[in-house]
Amino acid sequence: MNEEQRHPWQPGAYTGIGSWPGTDPGEAIRTILGELPHLPHLPELPGRGPGADMIGRTGALLVELPIEVQPSGWRVTQRAGRDLTRARSFLSWDLDALEEHTSGYTGPLKIQATGPWTMAASVELRNGEKMIADLGAVADLCESFREGLLAHLAEVRKRVPEATILVQVDEPSLPAVLTGSVPTASGYGRLRAVDRVLVEERLRALFSAIDTAGGYPLVHCCAPRVPVDLLRRCGARALSLDATRLTRESDEAIGTAVESGVGLLLGVVPAVDSRMSPPVDTVEPVRELWHRIGFDPEHATRDVVITPVCGLAGASPRHARAALDLCREAARVLREEPRPRQ
């Protein structure tokens, strides 16, 4: 890949984050392929219920670490039960639909999984506390997750053999893990922050494994205070961020990341039903960011992918399609008019 195309996507690309409204995987993948012909993704359909949600779906990938649904959420258990069986069935149906509708597809294809630190901040141990409270359990989770994700990557590659697979690791809880903001089981306290060196070590091992397996590792985090420098050092080759939440405090870290070759998937389109702005206004946060970090505006279209700010599962089908249409138009504006308005 030469300097002018250092990412798997073509200049002026746009895509979705992952989740999508509805319950029919065949209909969802047909829609995604139609709306995102140059950078489609495997849609996630949490509207189907437990097991299709982001935690349960990733639980289906874990190796020898079964989880089940409790009234308080997903919890580690001794053996796989019907909750995990349902989650694995959902994923299998989605992969069947993907294979059926992508015959002959060549180009980039994005898959998503909830990252180990967000899983650790969400899944409970048997005593009801979050896994993040037990670093030994977190170590087991990270190993299980890496093994399962690599098997998933291999399965997707088998089904869509000519695609370049982008592996999106969703880490919305990572800032809370690093700042000690994850609530305790009682809800009255906060669990201790995890050492940044340990977080970086685990993520570096994960991203290196993805890269070695032929995937393209990227991280999605739509929370404030994304640890951009840490993710760059870990080996993430692209970052998916909510551009409407970025402040000037992150400019230096983002500039360093872009300079080192990290791509950006920048969310600018509302993920839930709301009034949408014209494309020229929608893309303005991206043009302003690029201007602030001081890079050639013409390169923004090469290094930036336009996305919604988050997944679209909470939107109506009409809004979800309109959101991807607006992503396409915003990407066109960025390509044709990369400089911010004066």
Foldseek 3Di string as FASTA:
>chain_A
DDPLFLDQADFLAAEAFAEDADDQLLVVQVLQCVLHVAEGELHQYCVVDQLSDQLNLLQLLFDQFHWDADPQGIETDNDHDPSSVVNVVSVVNSLVSVLVPQVPPATAYEYEHAALVVNQLGYHYPVQWGNLLPVVSSVSSLVRSLVSVLVVVVSSCVSNVRYAYAYEHEYQCVVCLQVQNRATSVRPHTHDRDDLVVVLVSLLVSCVSCVVSRHQYEYEYAHPPPPLQSNLVSPHQEYEYALVRDDPVCLVSVLVSVVVRRAYEYAQFALADDDTDQLLVSLQSVLVSCVVSPDDLQCSSSRYYYYHSHHNRNYDNVVVSVRSVSSSVNSVCSNVPSHHDD
